[in-house]
Each structure stands twice: as structure tokens, then as C-alpha cells.
């Protein structure tokens, strides 16, 4: 779309009458005028050229991995007040910088590089010097990344962040030992005492602290995501995979195919549904949001009768948030339990590469598909397979796994979603629809494996964990 054309005199007059734009010019371009910007004579200050890293340094960076630990924190009232101040400052800086970028782009058709330090000396914004500077710096980096993704067409337009309607979080970076573990807590920049953490798992020694993300959940709980850098470790392929690479015998590897199912999470190629036992009790998949939906609706009706922004209104909002958090935590726990058991038992796991966003819209099952958590489940499987040297193969989303007969290979193009039993018109084979699809997914995964990467030596097989194939 072509830009609108205006007379240069009218454009200059618009800029001179816009006090906000004139302020930006005076603040960030002290050595030039608006006329220089419009005529294209303004050259931003150039950074000093730094020597590029050597190839060995780049290779060393590639040979590292990041591990994130998420712990619940218990800050004191004073610490909580400062954390909220950092969160508010990060949200303010995002909105202010985004507003200034949009103003410059709308009026000048170009943007001028800005940093949070440029705002600290501004009248009325002196309070920004009291917050963590790395929190504001990360806002700048995230906004630049968001704008770059928007102009490249990869993502949508960056949005403003509203209080209580966005995720309350900020990120601070490690520099000169400003972040460190002390006892059962962690010390953050500009906070005198360490914040107590519930460290339910030990932190792996030998790592270098990189950053900490502070998260304030809607239910009022505080979480700290701590990222550490370690030397990269390459998992060896499991014994079954090694035998499979040498001989090509499918019986040497334990494999399973999973077909996504809205009622049961998945159905495997043997017809089984996900479940596990604890203390003799069988735990089966359950839609956690549906289980709590009536309670959530009841609490939301109570909320509708309260005065907005009152104390009782805030308490009721937190009560509803706790119900949503309970459903999320129960769902995530079940997904982790099942994923760990699958990866420990099988060498090869075959799944479909599904477009979850499209499924929510086209099938009109958005709430049910979200409640299943298939995207989260596949993410956990991928991470565990990379960790334990197992194979996760994604079958193309356009492969007709449900319409193909697992016995003779014929395709039933007239199969509908409400047909739960597959009956082949060619060979008469009858099977549960989901089980038939899981068998086809596993067979297609073996075909992809043999055609695309088979048969390398075990020594030359560098990345055994993930093969992503989209047909």
C-alpha cells in the first residue's frame, strides 16, 4: 500500500505544532532539528565497531545449553512492593516507548533509536532511576524484537499492555554477581535481603547464571524462572535405536503411535488411553477446566454483582484466578506424568503435526481442544526425548491417518467426524477410528525415518532426539 503524499510545508507545520514530537526531537536528537529529520539529513550516532568473535568462540557458544528452573517464591511485604514497582515500570516503559515509536513513524515516517536511559532524565520520570535498570533494558530489547517481527510479517502488531489485563512479569540479567543464591533463597538487584524460594528440586552445579524472570500470577502467587547456562551434552541413542540403525529391524525398537483425541488426550496404536497408577489407584485423563467450569461460572456470577475496583471485587477476582490455576496445574501434572512414562518405555514416539489454532476455529471445539493441552504435551515430549536420546517423529498434518485403512491402505474420502468406527469398503476391515489412525501414524513415521535419514552409522548420528517432518 502506497504512503500518502503531503506537502512538505504542511508536514513541517504538523511537526512544529505537535509538542510531543518536538519533545522527542529535543530529547533524542539534540544536534539536529526536525527539518534535518524530514530532509533525511539526520544520522543517528554510530556505535563503535567491535571485533567480531572468532569462529572458535562462536562454536563455543553453540556448544552450550540453557536450563530454566521455576521455583515459587515467598517475598516479604517490602520485597513484594519493590517487585510490583519493577513490574509496573516495565509495563510503563513498554507502553511509552511503543507510543513514541508509533508517533515518530506516523509523523516522520521513520523511527529514532531510544533507550530507557533517555527517559530517566526527563522531568516527571525521575522515579525510573529507582527500579532495576535491567528490567527496563529487557523491555527495550523485547519491543525491538516485536517490531522487527511485525515489519518482517512474522508476527502481529505490538500491543499496549494494560494493568491487570496482561501477564505481570519482568526480567533481570546477571552482571557482576548482582544475582546469586543464598541459602534457600535468591538475591536480586536492588533488594537488600534474599527472597525465600521453595526449591523443590536441586539446582544442577556448574552452571552460569544468565537471567531471572519474576512472575506474579493472577492468583497472587510469585514464581521465579532462573536460567543457567551449561556446557552442551549430547544424549546417546538408546540401545534399541542403535540396533535399529545397524540392522533396520523394526522389532529391535520399541515404538508407539499416538492419535490426538479430544475426550482422552490420545489413543495409541494398541487402542489404549493414557493412564497411570499411584499407590494402587489408576489415574485417568480428565478435562480439568470442564470439571471446575460450574464453580468458575458460579464465582463469576458473584463477581458481576460487586462494585468494580472495590476490595471485595479484587478478592473475588483472585478467587476465580485460583480456580483457573488449579485446573492448569492439574492438567500440567497429568501431562508430565504421562510424558515421562512414555519416554522411559519407548524408543520411538510418533505423533501428528497438528495446527491447534486452526482446529479451535474450524471444529468449533476451542474450549475442549484447549482443555486437552495437546500442544503442551508435545512440547514436554520433545524436551524429554532430547534429554534421554529418544526419537519423536512428527507426521505431516495433511497425511490422511483417519481415512486410511491400516489393513489394506485404501482411503475412505467420505469418512465424517462423527464416524467413530472405521469400516473399510475394500477389504471389510473394521477398527476403532482413533486406533486405526494411530496405527497409520506409526507406519508413516517408520516410512519417514527410513526414507529421509536411514541408515547412518551410530557414530555419525548427531541428533537422535527430534525429526520434524511436514508433508
Protein backbone atom coordinates (compact mmCIF):
# COMPACT_ATOMS: atom_id res chain seq x y z
CA UNK A 1 0.00 0.00 0.00
CA UNK A 2 1.49 3.37 -1.07
CA UNK A 3 2.12 6.03 1.54
CA UNK A 4 0.02 9.14 1.47
CA UNK A 5 1.68 12.22 -0.04
CA UNK A 6 1.59 15.57 1.77
CA UNK A 7 3.19 18.92 1.11
CA UNK A 8 6.47 19.39 2.96
CA UNK A 9 5.30 22.74 4.37
CA UNK A 10 2.16 21.17 5.82
CA UNK A 11 4.21 18.32 7.25
CA UNK A 12 6.67 20.70 8.94
CA UNK A 13 3.80 22.68 10.39
CA UNK A 14 2.27 19.48 11.79
CA UNK A 15 5.55 18.57 13.46
CA UNK A 16 6.08 22.02 14.94
CA UNK A 17 2.57 22.13 16.40
CA UNK A 18 2.93 18.65 17.91
CA UNK A 19 4.56 19.29 21.28
CA UNK A 20 5.16 15.59 21.93
CA UNK A 21 7.03 15.19 18.65
CA UNK A 22 9.06 18.34 19.31
CA UNK A 23 9.91 16.97 22.75
CA UNK A 24 11.16 13.72 21.20
CA UNK A 25 13.30 15.67 18.75
CA UNK A 26 14.83 17.76 21.54
CA UNK A 27 15.42 14.72 23.77
CA UNK A 28 16.82 12.20 21.31
CA UNK A 29 18.19 14.46 18.54
CA UNK A 30 19.85 17.40 20.33
CA UNK A 31 22.29 18.03 17.48
CA UNK A 32 19.69 18.49 14.74
CA UNK A 33 16.24 19.89 14.03
CA UNK A 34 13.00 18.47 12.71
CA UNK A 35 13.95 19.84 9.30
CA UNK A 36 17.04 17.62 9.26
CA UNK A 37 14.94 14.57 10.11
CA UNK A 38 12.37 15.33 7.42
CA UNK A 39 15.03 16.02 4.77
CA UNK A 40 16.85 12.84 5.70
CA UNK A 41 20.00 14.63 6.93
CA UNK A 42 19.86 13.22 10.45
CA UNK A 43 22.36 10.41 11.07
CA UNK A 44 21.95 8.54 14.36
CA UNK A 45 25.13 8.27 16.44
CA UNK A 46 27.14 5.27 15.34
CA UNK A 47 28.32 2.71 17.83
CA UNK A 48 31.99 1.86 17.99
CA UNK A 49 32.90 -1.07 15.82
CA UNK A 50 33.80 -4.14 17.79
CA UNK A 51 35.90 -7.02 16.63
CA UNK A 52 33.86 -9.99 15.53
CA UNK A 53 34.07 -13.13 17.56
CA UNK A 54 36.33 -15.79 16.23
CA UNK A 55 34.91 -19.00 14.83
CA UNK A 56 36.13 -20.90 17.88
CA UNK A 57 34.21 -18.50 20.13
CA UNK A 58 31.05 -18.93 18.07
CA UNK A 59 31.47 -22.68 18.22
CA UNK A 60 31.85 -22.48 21.99
CA UNK A 61 28.60 -20.51 22.20
CA UNK A 62 26.90 -23.18 20.09
CA UNK A 63 28.14 -25.86 22.47
CA UNK A 64 26.14 -24.56 25.40
CA UNK A 65 22.63 -25.22 26.61
CA UNK A 66 20.23 -23.36 28.87
CA UNK A 67 18.26 -24.91 31.71
CA UNK A 68 15.46 -22.98 33.43
CA UNK A 69 14.35 -23.69 36.99
CA UNK A 70 10.95 -22.39 38.08
CA UNK A 71 10.53 -22.01 41.82
CA UNK A 72 7.77 -20.49 43.87
CA UNK A 73 8.88 -17.51 45.93
CA UNK A 74 7.72 -16.02 49.21
CA UNK A 75 8.77 -12.35 49.26
CA UNK A 76 8.16 -10.16 52.29
CA UNK A 77 5.79 -7.20 52.08
CA UNK A 78 8.69 -4.82 51.40
CA UNK A 79 10.17 -7.10 48.75
CA UNK A 80 6.76 -7.64 47.15
CA UNK A 81 6.24 -3.88 46.96
CA UNK A 82 9.54 -3.42 45.10
CA UNK A 83 8.84 -6.33 42.74
CA UNK A 84 5.48 -4.79 41.86
CA UNK A 85 7.22 -1.45 41.29
CA UNK A 86 9.58 -3.13 38.79
CA UNK A 87 6.66 -4.81 37.04
CA UNK A 88 4.79 -1.51 36.77
CA UNK A 89 7.88 0.30 35.49
CA UNK A 90 8.46 -2.36 32.84
CA UNK A 91 4.84 -2.07 31.70
CA UNK A 92 5.08 1.75 31.64
CA UNK A 93 8.33 1.68 29.64
CA UNK A 94 6.82 -0.70 27.07
CA UNK A 95 3.76 1.50 26.56
CA UNK A 96 5.75 4.76 26.49
CA UNK A 97 8.37 3.53 24.01
CA UNK A 98 5.73 1.92 21.80
CA UNK A 99 3.71 5.15 21.81
CA UNK A 100 6.77 7.23 20.88
CA UNK A 101 7.77 4.82 18.11
CA UNK A 102 4.28 4.95 16.63
CA UNK A 103 4.22 8.76 16.84
CA UNK A 104 7.55 9.10 15.05
CA UNK A 105 6.58 6.55 12.42
CA UNK A 106 3.24 8.24 11.82
CA UNK A 107 4.61 11.79 11.57
CA UNK A 108 8.21 11.36 10.39
CA UNK A 109 7.90 8.03 8.53
CA UNK A 110 10.97 6.82 10.39
CA UNK A 111 11.97 5.94 13.95
CA UNK A 112 14.88 7.14 16.08
CA UNK A 113 16.72 4.69 18.36
CA UNK A 114 15.76 5.16 22.01
CA UNK A 115 16.90 3.58 25.26
CA UNK A 116 15.39 3.63 28.77
CA UNK A 117 18.31 5.81 29.90
CA UNK A 118 17.00 8.61 27.68
CA UNK A 119 13.78 8.70 29.71
CA UNK A 120 15.34 8.74 33.18
CA UNK A 121 16.46 12.35 32.87
CA UNK A 122 13.05 13.52 31.73
CA UNK A 123 11.02 15.72 34.04
CA UNK A 124 8.44 13.65 35.88
CA UNK A 125 10.14 10.31 35.17
CA UNK A 126 12.93 10.50 37.75
CA UNK A 127 11.34 7.55 39.56
CA UNK A 128 12.61 5.24 36.79
CA UNK A 129 16.07 5.50 38.38
CA UNK A 130 14.77 3.68 41.47
CA UNK A 131 13.85 0.46 39.62
CA UNK A 132 16.06 -2.28 38.23
CA UNK A 133 17.76 -0.92 35.09
CA UNK A 134 18.00 -4.41 33.55
CA UNK A 135 14.23 -4.74 33.76
CA UNK A 136 13.86 -1.64 31.57
CA UNK A 137 16.66 -2.76 29.24
CA UNK A 138 14.91 -6.07 28.58
CA UNK A 139 11.72 -4.16 27.75
CA UNK A 140 13.64 -2.26 25.06
CA UNK A 141 15.06 -5.49 23.60
CA UNK A 142 11.68 -7.22 23.63
CA UNK A 143 9.99 -4.25 21.97
CA UNK A 144 12.65 -4.05 19.25
CA UNK A 145 12.21 -7.77 18.62
CA UNK A 146 8.41 -7.39 18.48
CA UNK A 147 8.65 -4.50 16.00
CA UNK A 148 11.16 -6.40 13.87
CA UNK A 149 8.85 -9.43 13.76
CA UNK A 150 5.92 -7.18 12.84
CA UNK A 151 7.69 -5.47 9.94
CA UNK A 152 9.00 -8.80 8.65
CA UNK A 153 5.47 -10.23 8.65
CA UNK A 154 6.19 -13.00 11.17
CA UNK A 155 4.02 -11.62 13.98
CA UNK A 156 1.21 -9.16 14.52
CA UNK A 157 1.47 -5.54 15.56
CA UNK A 158 2.83 -4.93 19.10
CA UNK A 159 0.05 -4.08 21.53
CA UNK A 160 -0.13 -1.88 24.59
CA UNK A 161 -0.10 -3.59 27.97
CA UNK A 162 -2.93 -2.79 30.32
CA UNK A 163 -2.72 -3.18 34.07
CA UNK A 164 -4.45 -6.33 35.37
CA UNK A 165 -5.07 -7.48 31.77
CA UNK A 166 -1.60 -8.75 30.89
CA UNK A 167 0.98 -11.01 32.45
CA UNK A 168 2.73 -9.30 35.37
CA UNK A 169 6.41 -10.07 34.84
CA UNK A 170 9.85 -8.59 34.33
CA UNK A 171 13.31 -10.00 33.56
CA UNK A 172 16.63 -9.00 35.09
CA UNK A 173 20.08 -10.08 33.90
CA UNK A 174 23.13 -11.40 35.71
CA UNK A 175 26.08 -8.98 35.83
CA UNK A 176 28.96 -8.73 38.31
CA UNK A 177 27.38 -11.11 40.82
CA UNK A 178 24.23 -8.97 41.21
CA UNK A 179 22.16 -12.20 41.24
CA UNK A 180 23.19 -15.10 43.45
CA UNK A 181 21.80 -17.96 45.50
CA UNK A 182 21.97 -17.51 49.26
CA UNK A 183 20.81 -20.43 51.37
CA UNK A 184 17.27 -21.32 50.38
CA UNK A 185 16.72 -18.02 48.57
CA UNK A 186 17.97 -15.79 45.79
CA UNK A 187 19.25 -12.23 45.89
CA UNK A 188 18.09 -9.87 43.14
CA UNK A 189 19.40 -6.40 42.17
CA UNK A 190 18.44 -3.52 44.50
CA UNK A 191 16.82 -5.86 47.04
CA UNK A 192 18.66 -5.97 50.36
CA UNK A 193 17.68 -9.42 51.62
CA UNK A 194 17.39 -12.66 49.62
CA UNK A 195 13.91 -13.78 48.60
CA UNK A 196 12.96 -17.15 50.05
CA UNK A 197 12.29 -19.84 47.44
CA UNK A 198 10.64 -23.24 47.59
CA UNK A 199 13.41 -25.17 45.83
CA UNK A 200 11.65 -28.50 45.31
CA UNK A 201 14.47 -29.79 43.09
CA UNK A 202 18.22 -29.19 43.48
CA UNK A 203 19.93 -26.81 41.08
CA UNK A 204 22.48 -28.59 38.94
CA UNK A 205 26.01 -27.40 39.84
CA UNK A 206 28.45 -25.99 37.31
CA UNK A 207 26.07 -23.56 35.63
CA UNK A 208 26.43 -19.85 34.93
CA UNK A 209 23.51 -17.63 35.91
CA UNK A 210 22.09 -15.74 32.92
CA UNK A 211 18.80 -14.10 33.94
CA UNK A 212 15.83 -14.33 36.27
CA UNK A 213 12.22 -13.71 35.27
CA UNK A 214 9.89 -12.66 38.07
CA UNK A 215 6.27 -13.73 37.51
CA UNK A 216 3.25 -12.62 39.53
CA UNK A 217 0.37 -14.96 38.72
CA UNK A 218 -3.26 -13.76 38.81
CA UNK A 219 -3.91 -15.96 41.85
CA UNK A 220 -1.40 -13.90 43.84
CA UNK A 221 1.50 -16.38 43.85
CA UNK A 222 5.06 -15.39 42.96
CA UNK A 223 7.31 -17.52 40.75
CA UNK A 224 10.94 -17.08 39.74
CA UNK A 225 12.23 -18.59 36.50
CA UNK A 226 16.02 -18.87 36.82
CA UNK A 227 18.03 -19.56 33.65
CA UNK A 228 21.52 -21.09 33.87
CA UNK A 229 23.97 -21.88 31.09
CA UNK A 230 25.76 -25.25 30.97
CA UNK A 231 28.10 -26.99 28.53
CA UNK A 232 26.01 -28.82 25.95
CA UNK A 233 25.59 -32.55 26.45
CA UNK A 234 24.57 -34.82 23.62
CA UNK A 235 22.40 -37.76 24.62
CA UNK A 236 23.41 -41.13 23.24
CA UNK A 237 20.74 -43.02 21.28
CA UNK A 238 19.03 -45.73 23.27
CA UNK A 239 20.12 -49.34 22.77
CA UNK A 240 17.01 -50.15 20.76
CA UNK A 241 17.66 -47.24 18.38
CA UNK A 242 21.29 -48.28 17.94
CA UNK A 243 20.19 -51.77 16.92
CA UNK A 244 17.59 -50.26 14.61
CA UNK A 245 20.23 -48.07 12.92
CA UNK A 246 22.52 -51.04 12.36
CA UNK A 247 20.04 -53.66 11.15
CA UNK A 248 16.92 -51.78 10.09
CA UNK A 249 14.82 -54.28 12.03
CA UNK A 250 11.68 -52.58 13.34
CA UNK A 251 11.26 -55.23 16.02
CA UNK A 252 14.50 -54.06 17.63
CA UNK A 253 12.99 -50.74 18.66
CA UNK A 254 10.02 -50.19 20.95
CA UNK A 255 7.70 -47.73 19.20
CA UNK A 256 4.26 -46.22 19.75
CA UNK A 257 1.93 -44.12 17.62
CA UNK A 258 -0.38 -41.54 19.22
CA UNK A 259 -3.53 -40.10 17.69
CA UNK A 260 -4.83 -36.94 19.35
CA UNK A 261 -8.25 -37.43 20.93
CA UNK A 262 -10.40 -34.69 22.44
CA UNK A 263 -12.11 -36.93 25.04
CA UNK A 264 -8.98 -38.92 26.09
CA UNK A 265 -5.92 -36.79 25.11
CA UNK A 266 -4.73 -39.60 22.81
CA UNK A 267 -5.33 -43.18 21.70
CA UNK A 268 -2.25 -45.28 20.89
CA UNK A 269 -1.79 -47.93 18.21
CA UNK A 270 -2.94 -50.67 20.60
CA UNK A 271 -6.17 -48.85 21.44
CA UNK A 272 -5.11 -47.87 24.96
CA UNK A 273 -5.85 -44.49 26.51
CA UNK A 274 -3.49 -42.56 28.84
CA UNK A 275 -3.49 -43.59 32.49
CA UNK A 276 -1.02 -44.37 35.28
CA UNK A 277 -1.10 -45.84 38.78
CA UNK A 278 -0.15 -44.27 42.12
CA UNK A 279 -0.46 -46.33 45.32
CA UNK A 280 -2.70 -48.82 43.54
CA UNK A 281 -5.07 -46.13 42.24
CA UNK A 282 -5.50 -45.69 38.50
CA UNK A 283 -5.34 -42.05 37.36
CA UNK A 284 -7.07 -41.38 34.06
CA UNK A 285 -7.24 -38.31 31.87
CA UNK A 286 -9.86 -35.77 32.85
CA UNK A 287 -10.69 -32.37 31.39
CA UNK A 288 -9.79 -30.20 34.34
CA UNK A 289 -11.43 -27.00 33.14
CA UNK A 290 -14.70 -28.79 32.41
CA UNK A 291 -14.56 -30.27 35.91
CA UNK A 292 -14.32 -26.81 37.50
CA UNK A 293 -16.40 -24.94 34.93
CA UNK A 294 -19.58 -24.83 37.04
CA UNK A 295 -17.67 -23.49 40.07
CA UNK A 296 -15.96 -20.86 37.91
CA UNK A 297 -19.31 -19.77 36.46
CA UNK A 298 -20.79 -19.53 39.97
CA UNK A 299 -17.94 -17.31 41.19
CA UNK A 300 -18.15 -15.15 38.07
CA UNK A 301 -21.86 -14.56 38.71
CA UNK A 302 -20.98 -13.34 42.19
CA UNK A 303 -18.35 -11.07 40.69
CA UNK A 304 -20.89 -9.47 38.37
CA UNK A 305 -22.86 -8.16 41.38
CA UNK A 306 -19.87 -6.45 43.01
CA UNK A 307 -18.63 -2.89 42.65
CA UNK A 308 -15.71 -2.77 40.24
CA UNK A 309 -12.27 -1.95 41.74
CA UNK A 310 -13.57 -2.45 45.29
CA UNK A 311 -11.74 -4.63 47.83
CA UNK A 312 -14.32 -7.41 47.57
CA UNK A 313 -14.10 -7.22 43.78
CA UNK A 314 -10.33 -7.78 43.91
CA UNK A 315 -10.75 -10.69 46.34
CA UNK A 316 -13.34 -12.33 44.10
CA UNK A 317 -11.10 -11.92 41.03
CA UNK A 318 -8.31 -13.68 42.89
CA UNK A 319 -10.68 -16.49 43.90
CA UNK A 320 -11.59 -17.06 40.24
CA UNK A 321 -7.91 -16.94 39.27
CA UNK A 322 -7.15 -19.65 41.84
CA UNK A 323 -9.72 -21.94 40.21
CA UNK A 324 -8.16 -21.40 36.78
CA UNK A 325 -4.71 -22.03 38.25
CA UNK A 326 -5.93 -25.25 39.88
CA UNK A 327 -7.19 -26.55 36.53
CA UNK A 328 -3.91 -25.60 34.84
CA UNK A 329 -1.71 -27.22 37.47
CA UNK A 330 -3.72 -30.46 37.49
CA UNK A 331 -3.59 -30.63 33.69
CA UNK A 332 0.15 -29.96 33.56
CA UNK A 333 0.86 -32.56 36.25
CA UNK A 334 -1.01 -35.27 34.33
CA UNK A 335 0.74 -34.36 31.07
CA UNK A 336 4.17 -34.56 32.73
CA UNK A 337 3.37 -37.89 34.38
CA UNK A 338 2.24 -39.47 31.10
CA UNK A 339 5.06 -37.98 29.01
CA UNK A 340 7.77 -39.24 31.38
CA UNK A 341 6.32 -42.76 31.34
CA UNK A 342 6.10 -42.81 27.53
CA UNK A 343 9.68 -41.61 27.02
CA UNK A 344 11.08 -44.09 29.54
CA UNK A 345 9.23 -47.01 27.95
CA UNK A 346 9.52 -46.35 24.20
CA UNK A 347 12.45 -45.56 21.90
CA UNK A 348 10.33 -44.01 19.16
CA UNK A 349 7.16 -41.94 19.55
CA UNK A 350 5.12 -40.91 16.51
CA UNK A 351 2.60 -38.06 16.62
CA UNK A 352 0.76 -35.80 14.21
CA UNK A 353 1.93 -32.25 13.49
CA UNK A 354 -1.42 -30.61 14.20
CA UNK A 355 -2.37 -26.95 13.76
CA UNK A 356 -4.07 -26.40 17.11
CA UNK A 357 -5.12 -22.80 16.37
CA UNK A 358 -6.93 -23.88 13.20
CA UNK A 359 -8.59 -26.80 14.99
CA UNK A 360 -10.03 -24.49 17.63
CA UNK A 361 -11.67 -22.36 14.96
CA UNK A 362 -12.73 -24.85 12.30
CA UNK A 363 -14.14 -27.58 14.55
CA UNK A 364 -15.84 -25.14 16.96
CA UNK A 365 -14.21 -27.06 19.79
CA UNK A 366 -11.93 -24.31 21.04
CA UNK A 367 -12.61 -24.82 24.73
CA UNK A 368 -12.32 -28.61 24.54
CA UNK A 369 -9.15 -28.56 22.44
CA UNK A 370 -7.54 -26.06 24.83
CA UNK A 371 -8.56 -28.14 27.83
CA UNK A 372 -6.82 -31.21 26.39
CA UNK A 373 -3.43 -29.46 26.28
CA UNK A 374 -2.07 -31.33 23.25
CA UNK A 375 0.39 -28.55 22.39
CA UNK A 376 1.85 -28.58 25.90
CA UNK A 377 2.00 -32.38 25.80
CA UNK A 378 4.01 -32.46 22.56
CA UNK A 379 6.36 -29.79 23.92
CA UNK A 380 7.08 -31.92 27.00
CA UNK A 381 7.62 -35.00 24.82
CA UNK A 382 10.09 -33.11 22.65
CA UNK A 383 12.14 -31.90 25.62
CA UNK A 384 12.24 -35.33 27.26
CA UNK A 385 13.17 -37.10 24.01
CA UNK A 386 16.09 -34.71 23.52
CA UNK A 387 17.18 -35.34 27.09
CA UNK A 388 17.04 -39.16 27.02
CA UNK A 389 18.12 -39.79 23.41
CA UNK A 390 14.77 -40.99 22.10
CA UNK A 391 13.06 -40.24 18.77
CA UNK A 392 9.98 -38.06 18.36
CA UNK A 393 8.71 -38.09 14.77
CA UNK A 394 6.01 -35.69 13.61
CA UNK A 395 3.85 -36.94 10.76
CA UNK A 396 2.61 -34.32 8.31
CA UNK A 397 -0.72 -32.74 9.21
CA UNK A 398 -2.14 -33.44 5.74
CA UNK A 399 -1.46 -37.18 5.95
CA UNK A 400 -4.93 -38.88 5.97
CA UNK A 401 -4.32 -41.03 9.03
CA UNK A 402 -8.01 -41.33 9.97
CA UNK A 403 -9.27 -42.01 6.43
CA UNK A 404 -6.64 -44.62 5.51
CA UNK A 405 -7.27 -48.30 6.18
CA UNK A 406 -4.44 -49.69 8.30
CA UNK A 407 -5.02 -53.15 6.78
CA UNK A 408 -5.09 -52.57 3.00
CA UNK A 409 -4.16 -48.89 2.62
CA UNK A 410 -7.31 -47.73 0.83
CA UNK A 411 -8.63 -44.22 1.60
CA UNK A 412 -12.24 -43.53 2.57
CA UNK A 413 -12.80 -39.93 1.43
CA UNK A 414 -16.38 -39.90 2.76
CA UNK A 415 -15.40 -40.52 6.40
CA UNK A 416 -17.01 -37.96 8.74
CA UNK A 417 -16.04 -36.73 12.18
CA UNK A 418 -18.96 -38.47 13.91
CA UNK A 419 -17.99 -41.87 12.42
CA UNK A 420 -16.22 -43.44 15.40
CA UNK A 421 -15.72 -46.88 13.81
CA UNK A 422 -13.68 -47.27 10.62
CA UNK A 423 -15.19 -49.76 8.18
CA UNK A 424 -13.13 -50.34 5.03
CA UNK A 425 -15.26 -50.69 1.90
CA UNK A 426 -12.43 -52.50 0.08
CA UNK A 427 -11.32 -55.26 2.46
CA UNK A 428 -14.08 -55.11 5.09
CA UNK A 429 -11.61 -54.37 7.90
CA UNK A 430 -13.29 -52.85 11.00
CA UNK A 431 -11.46 -50.97 13.76
CA UNK A 432 -11.90 -48.10 16.17
CA UNK A 433 -11.31 -44.86 14.30
CA UNK A 434 -8.67 -43.47 16.67
CA UNK A 435 -6.79 -46.76 16.94
CA UNK A 436 -6.75 -47.09 13.15
CA UNK A 437 -5.29 -43.57 12.87
CA UNK A 438 -2.61 -44.31 15.49
CA UNK A 439 -1.52 -47.44 13.58
CA UNK A 440 -1.23 -45.40 10.38
CA UNK A 441 0.73 -42.65 12.16
CA UNK A 442 3.28 -45.18 13.43
CA UNK A 443 3.62 -46.78 9.99
CA UNK A 444 4.10 -43.38 8.35
CA UNK A 445 6.72 -42.47 10.97
CA UNK A 446 8.77 -45.55 10.10
CA UNK A 447 8.48 -44.69 6.41
CA UNK A 448 9.69 -41.13 7.04
CA UNK A 449 12.57 -42.41 9.15
CA UNK A 450 13.74 -44.92 6.55
CA UNK A 451 13.42 -42.59 3.57
CA UNK A 452 14.91 -39.38 4.96
CA UNK A 453 17.74 -40.33 7.29
CA UNK A 454 18.25 -44.05 7.11
CA UNK A 455 20.68 -45.72 7.55
CA UNK A 456 23.51 -43.64 9.16
CA UNK A 457 26.14 -45.05 11.45
CA UNK A 458 25.64 -44.57 15.15
CA UNK A 459 28.87 -42.54 15.36
CA UNK A 460 27.65 -40.11 12.70
CA UNK A 461 24.17 -39.79 14.13
CA UNK A 462 24.45 -36.44 15.89
CA UNK A 463 20.87 -35.53 16.75
CA UNK A 464 18.78 -38.55 17.67
CA UNK A 465 16.02 -36.81 19.53
CA UNK A 466 13.78 -34.97 17.09
CA UNK A 467 12.79 -35.33 13.47
CA UNK A 468 10.17 -32.83 12.39
CA UNK A 469 8.59 -33.58 9.05
CA UNK A 470 5.70 -31.67 7.49
CA UNK A 471 4.18 -33.28 4.42
